[in-house]
Protein backbone atom coordinates (compact mmCIF):
# COMPACT_ATOMS: atom_id res chain seq x y z
CA UNK A 1 203.69 206.77 104.70
CA UNK A 2 204.31 203.02 104.56
CA UNK A 3 201.89 202.52 107.44
CA UNK A 4 199.12 204.26 105.57
CA UNK A 5 199.65 202.05 102.50
CA UNK A 6 199.36 198.86 104.58
CA UNK A 7 196.19 200.03 106.26
CA UNK A 8 194.63 200.89 102.91
CA UNK A 9 195.47 197.50 101.45
CA UNK A 10 193.83 195.71 104.37
CA UNK A 11 190.68 197.77 103.92
CA UNK A 12 190.40 196.81 100.26
CA UNK A 13 190.79 193.11 101.06
CA UNK A 14 188.16 193.29 103.78
CA UNK A 15 185.60 194.89 101.45
CA UNK A 16 185.91 192.03 98.90
CA UNK A 17 184.67 189.37 101.43
CA UNK A 18 180.97 188.11 101.40
CA UNK A 19 178.70 190.30 103.48
CA UNK A 20 177.19 188.91 106.67
CA UNK A 21 173.50 188.00 106.14
CA UNK A 22 170.87 190.05 107.89
CA UNK A 23 169.39 188.58 111.06
CA UNK A 24 165.89 188.07 109.48
CA UNK A 25 167.09 186.41 106.29
CA UNK A 26 165.32 182.98 105.51
CA UNK A 27 167.04 180.00 103.87
CA UNK A 28 166.12 179.18 100.30
CA UNK A 29 163.54 176.41 99.62
CA UNK A 30 166.26 174.15 98.30
CA UNK A 31 168.09 174.54 101.56
CA UNK A 32 165.25 173.02 103.69
CA UNK A 33 165.87 169.63 105.31
CA UNK A 34 165.19 166.64 103.00
CA UNK A 35 163.05 164.92 105.67
CA UNK A 36 160.27 167.53 105.42
CA UNK A 37 158.61 166.11 102.26
CA UNK A 38 158.27 162.46 103.52
CA UNK A 39 156.78 163.72 106.77
CA UNK A 40 154.04 165.57 104.94
CA UNK A 41 153.29 162.54 102.71
CA UNK A 42 152.99 160.30 105.73
CA UNK A 43 150.51 162.67 107.28
CA UNK A 44 148.37 162.64 104.14
CA UNK A 45 148.43 158.84 104.04
CA UNK A 46 147.25 158.62 107.64
CA UNK A 47 144.40 161.03 106.94
CA UNK A 48 143.02 158.95 104.01
CA UNK A 49 140.55 156.18 105.00
CA UNK A 50 141.72 152.61 104.57
CA UNK A 51 139.66 150.21 102.31
CA UNK A 52 138.74 147.97 105.23
CA UNK A 53 137.35 150.98 107.11
CA UNK A 54 135.17 152.15 104.21
CA UNK A 55 132.08 150.41 105.56
CA UNK A 56 132.49 151.98 108.96
CA UNK A 57 133.35 155.49 107.80
CA UNK A 58 130.95 155.91 104.93
CA UNK A 59 127.64 154.60 103.58
CA UNK A 60 127.55 151.16 101.83
CA UNK A 61 127.96 151.08 98.10
CA UNK A 62 124.29 150.14 97.60
CA UNK A 63 123.15 153.23 99.45
CA UNK A 64 122.19 151.26 102.55
CA UNK A 65 119.67 148.94 100.86
CA UNK A 66 119.66 145.23 101.85
CA UNK A 67 118.16 142.24 100.13
CA UNK A 68 115.51 140.24 102.00
CA UNK A 69 117.96 137.40 102.44
CA UNK A 70 120.58 139.73 103.93
CA UNK A 71 118.00 141.24 106.25
CA UNK A 72 116.90 137.78 107.36
CA UNK A 73 120.48 136.76 108.05
CA UNK A 74 120.96 139.88 110.17
CA UNK A 75 117.57 140.12 111.85
CA UNK A 76 116.91 136.41 112.34
CA UNK A 77 113.63 136.46 110.41
CA UNK A 78 112.86 133.66 107.89
CA UNK A 79 113.82 134.49 104.28
CA UNK A 80 111.03 134.89 101.74
CA UNK A 81 109.71 131.62 100.36
CA UNK A 82 110.52 129.67 103.50
CA UNK A 83 107.99 127.04 104.61
CA UNK A 84 105.73 128.07 107.48
CA UNK A 85 107.11 127.50 110.93
CA UNK A 86 105.61 124.34 112.48
CA UNK A 87 102.95 125.21 115.02
CA UNK A 88 102.38 128.66 113.51
CA UNK A 89 98.69 127.86 112.95
CA UNK A 90 97.93 124.88 115.12
CA UNK A 91 94.23 125.77 115.24
CA UNK A 92 93.77 125.39 111.48
CA UNK A 93 95.78 122.16 111.47
CA UNK A 94 93.75 120.69 114.30
CA UNK A 95 90.52 121.61 112.52
CA UNK A 96 91.70 119.98 109.30
CA UNK A 97 92.65 116.80 111.13
CA UNK A 98 89.38 116.67 113.05
CA UNK A 99 87.25 117.20 109.94
CA UNK A 100 89.51 115.08 107.68
CA UNK A 101 89.45 117.92 105.16
CA UNK A 102 92.97 117.34 103.85
CA UNK A 103 93.15 116.69 100.11
CA UNK A 104 95.79 114.03 99.40
CA UNK A 105 98.29 114.63 96.58
CA UNK A 106 97.69 112.96 93.22
CA UNK A 107 101.22 111.56 93.34
CA UNK A 108 103.51 110.66 96.21
CA UNK A 109 106.13 108.07 97.10
CA UNK A 110 103.98 106.46 99.75
CA UNK A 111 100.98 106.20 97.39
CA UNK A 112 103.16 104.59 94.73
CA UNK A 113 104.56 102.12 97.26
CA UNK A 114 101.09 101.01 98.39
CA UNK A 115 99.88 100.75 94.79
CA UNK A 116 102.88 98.57 94.00
CA UNK A 117 101.92 96.33 96.92
CA UNK A 118 98.43 95.95 95.43
CA UNK A 119 99.91 95.01 92.07
CA UNK A 120 102.18 92.42 93.67
CA UNK A 121 99.17 90.94 95.51
CA UNK A 122 97.30 90.56 92.21
CA UNK A 123 100.25 89.03 90.37
CA UNK A 124 101.02 86.56 93.17
CA UNK A 125 97.35 85.97 94.06
CA UNK A 126 98.06 86.89 97.68
CA UNK A 127 95.41 89.39 98.88
CA UNK A 128 97.13 90.05 102.21
CA UNK A 129 99.90 91.89 100.36
CA UNK A 130 97.35 94.49 99.28
CA UNK A 131 96.29 95.52 102.80
CA UNK A 132 98.44 98.71 102.95
CA UNK A 133 96.21 100.23 100.23
CA UNK A 134 92.98 99.21 101.96
CA UNK A 135 91.13 101.65 104.25
CA UNK A 136 92.17 100.87 107.86
CA UNK A 137 89.60 99.53 110.28
CA UNK A 138 90.42 101.84 113.19
CA UNK A 139 89.31 105.11 111.49
CA UNK A 140 86.56 103.34 109.54
CA UNK A 141 84.56 102.60 112.70
CA UNK A 142 84.05 106.25 113.79
CA UNK A 143 83.67 107.37 110.15
CA UNK A 144 80.73 105.18 109.10
CA UNK A 145 77.25 105.85 110.45
CA UNK A 146 75.92 102.29 110.41
CA UNK A 147 74.68 99.89 113.06
CA UNK A 148 77.86 97.82 113.27
CA UNK A 149 80.70 99.57 111.39
CA UNK A 150 83.24 96.96 112.47
CA UNK A 151 81.21 94.15 110.92
CA UNK A 152 80.61 96.26 107.80
CA UNK A 153 84.37 96.78 107.46
CA UNK A 154 84.95 93.02 107.69
CA UNK A 155 82.43 92.51 104.87
CA UNK A 156 84.09 95.10 102.63
CA UNK A 157 87.57 93.77 103.38
CA UNK A 158 86.51 90.26 102.42
CA UNK A 159 85.17 91.65 99.14
CA UNK A 160 88.50 93.39 98.60
CA UNK A 161 90.37 90.10 98.96
CA UNK A 162 87.99 88.44 96.50
CA UNK A 163 88.54 91.29 94.02
CA UNK A 164 92.31 90.78 94.21
CA UNK A 165 91.83 87.10 93.34
CA UNK A 166 89.40 87.97 90.54
CA UNK A 167 91.92 90.37 89.00
CA UNK A 168 94.59 87.69 89.19
CA UNK A 169 92.34 85.42 87.13
CA UNK A 170 92.12 88.00 84.33
CA UNK A 171 95.34 86.61 82.87
CA UNK A 172 96.46 83.05 82.38
CA UNK A 173 99.98 84.13 83.20
CA UNK A 174 101.46 87.22 84.78
CA UNK A 175 105.00 86.29 83.89
CA UNK A 176 107.01 89.32 82.80
CA UNK A 177 104.49 91.84 84.15
CA UNK A 178 105.96 94.80 85.95
CA UNK A 179 104.41 97.70 87.80
CA UNK A 180 104.44 101.17 86.19
CA UNK A 181 102.44 103.40 88.52
CA UNK A 182 99.07 104.48 89.89
CA UNK A 183 96.91 107.26 88.50
CA UNK A 184 94.11 108.82 90.53
CA UNK A 185 90.87 108.72 88.54
CA UNK A 186 88.06 111.26 88.59
CA UNK A 187 88.51 114.69 90.10
CA UNK A 188 88.44 114.45 93.88
CA UNK A 189 85.07 115.44 95.37
CA UNK A 190 84.41 116.40 98.97
CA UNK A 191 81.74 114.17 100.51
CA UNK A 192 80.35 116.01 103.56
CA UNK A 193 79.21 114.32 106.77
CA UNK A 194 75.77 112.78 106.35
CA UNK A 195 76.30 111.67 102.75
CA UNK A 196 77.01 108.00 102.02
CA UNK A 197 76.12 107.12 105.65
CA UNK A 198 79.26 108.70 107.07
CA UNK A 199 79.81 110.80 110.20
CA UNK A 200 83.08 112.33 108.99
CA UNK A 201 83.61 113.85 105.57
CA UNK A 202 86.22 112.72 103.05
CA UNK A 203 87.46 113.25 99.51
CA UNK A 204 86.47 110.60 96.99
CA UNK A 205 87.67 109.62 93.52
CA UNK A 206 86.42 106.94 91.12
CA UNK A 207 88.20 104.66 88.64
CA UNK A 208 91.86 105.04 89.36
CA UNK A 209 94.29 103.19 87.11
CA UNK A 210 96.81 100.62 88.30
CA UNK A 211 99.24 100.72 85.40
CA UNK A 212 101.64 97.99 84.36
CA UNK A 213 103.41 96.52 81.34
CA UNK A 214 103.48 92.95 80.11
CA UNK A 215 105.13 91.57 76.98
CA UNK A 216 106.23 95.10 76.18
CA UNK A 217 102.65 96.41 76.05
CA UNK A 218 100.97 98.88 78.46
CA UNK A 219 97.95 97.71 80.43
CA UNK A 220 95.94 98.80 83.46
CA UNK A 221 93.48 97.61 86.09
CA UNK A 222 90.55 99.67 87.32
CA UNK A 223 90.46 100.69 90.98
CA UNK A 224 86.82 101.57 91.57
CA UNK A 225 86.78 103.82 94.66
CA UNK A 226 89.39 105.54 96.80
CA UNK A 227 88.66 107.92 99.66
CA UNK A 228 90.89 110.10 101.82
CA UNK A 229 91.96 109.81 105.42
CA UNK A 230 94.35 112.31 107.01
CA UNK A 231 95.96 113.24 103.69
CA UNK A 232 96.26 109.74 102.18
CA UNK A 233 94.24 107.77 99.63
CA UNK A 234 92.76 104.39 100.55
CA UNK A 235 90.67 101.88 98.63
CA UNK A 236 87.15 101.11 99.85
CA UNK A 237 86.01 99.27 96.71
CA UNK A 238 88.47 97.63 94.34
CA UNK A 239 85.82 96.12 92.04
CA UNK A 240 82.34 97.37 91.12
CA UNK A 241 80.48 96.73 94.38
CA UNK A 242 77.08 97.50 92.80
CA UNK A 243 77.23 94.38 90.68
CA UNK A 244 77.46 92.10 93.69
């Protein structure tokens, strides 16, 4: 009898214990390892493109369009507005030089410098100082269609020197006079070969103004004739040659 009681008590105690889980039971979500979430986040981060790779992975923000300057920097072509490449049209340049059909600018540093030299020659009564503004002899000889162009140049140059002296005599004193600038006169006209006994054409302008100030007042001297040579203005008659 006692043995049966003991066996029954043991059976009751065994039935109160937690049952053994079934073989296919899965752990609850909360029971998963804590390292699973960071691993997934890291994978997502690796899949996303980095900012520095955006240009390589996708299209540019402007849809692929480039400015002309950007294209030039990439392709090596000159940007818009660039000056022409030297030698790009050597034929046209050679023709212009051969025909002398190059219109000089109305203003330039070199023109101002030579006009200043003329003014200094007049003020000091030293004609030789004015030679930079005078038409050179070397191109004058092939330009003029006369019997002896060299002798003709000598005659005109002597008249130029006399005109410088005559302009100096226009004032009793040039003290305090200072140069202001030179202004090209009449609108430049192309004189073709054959006119004015010349073999080579040139641009011509009459009555330029050599401007200066003296005693605080503006004044000017008339420069009768200037003609062009290879893109520069030169004097051929300082005074009115028809009155001589």
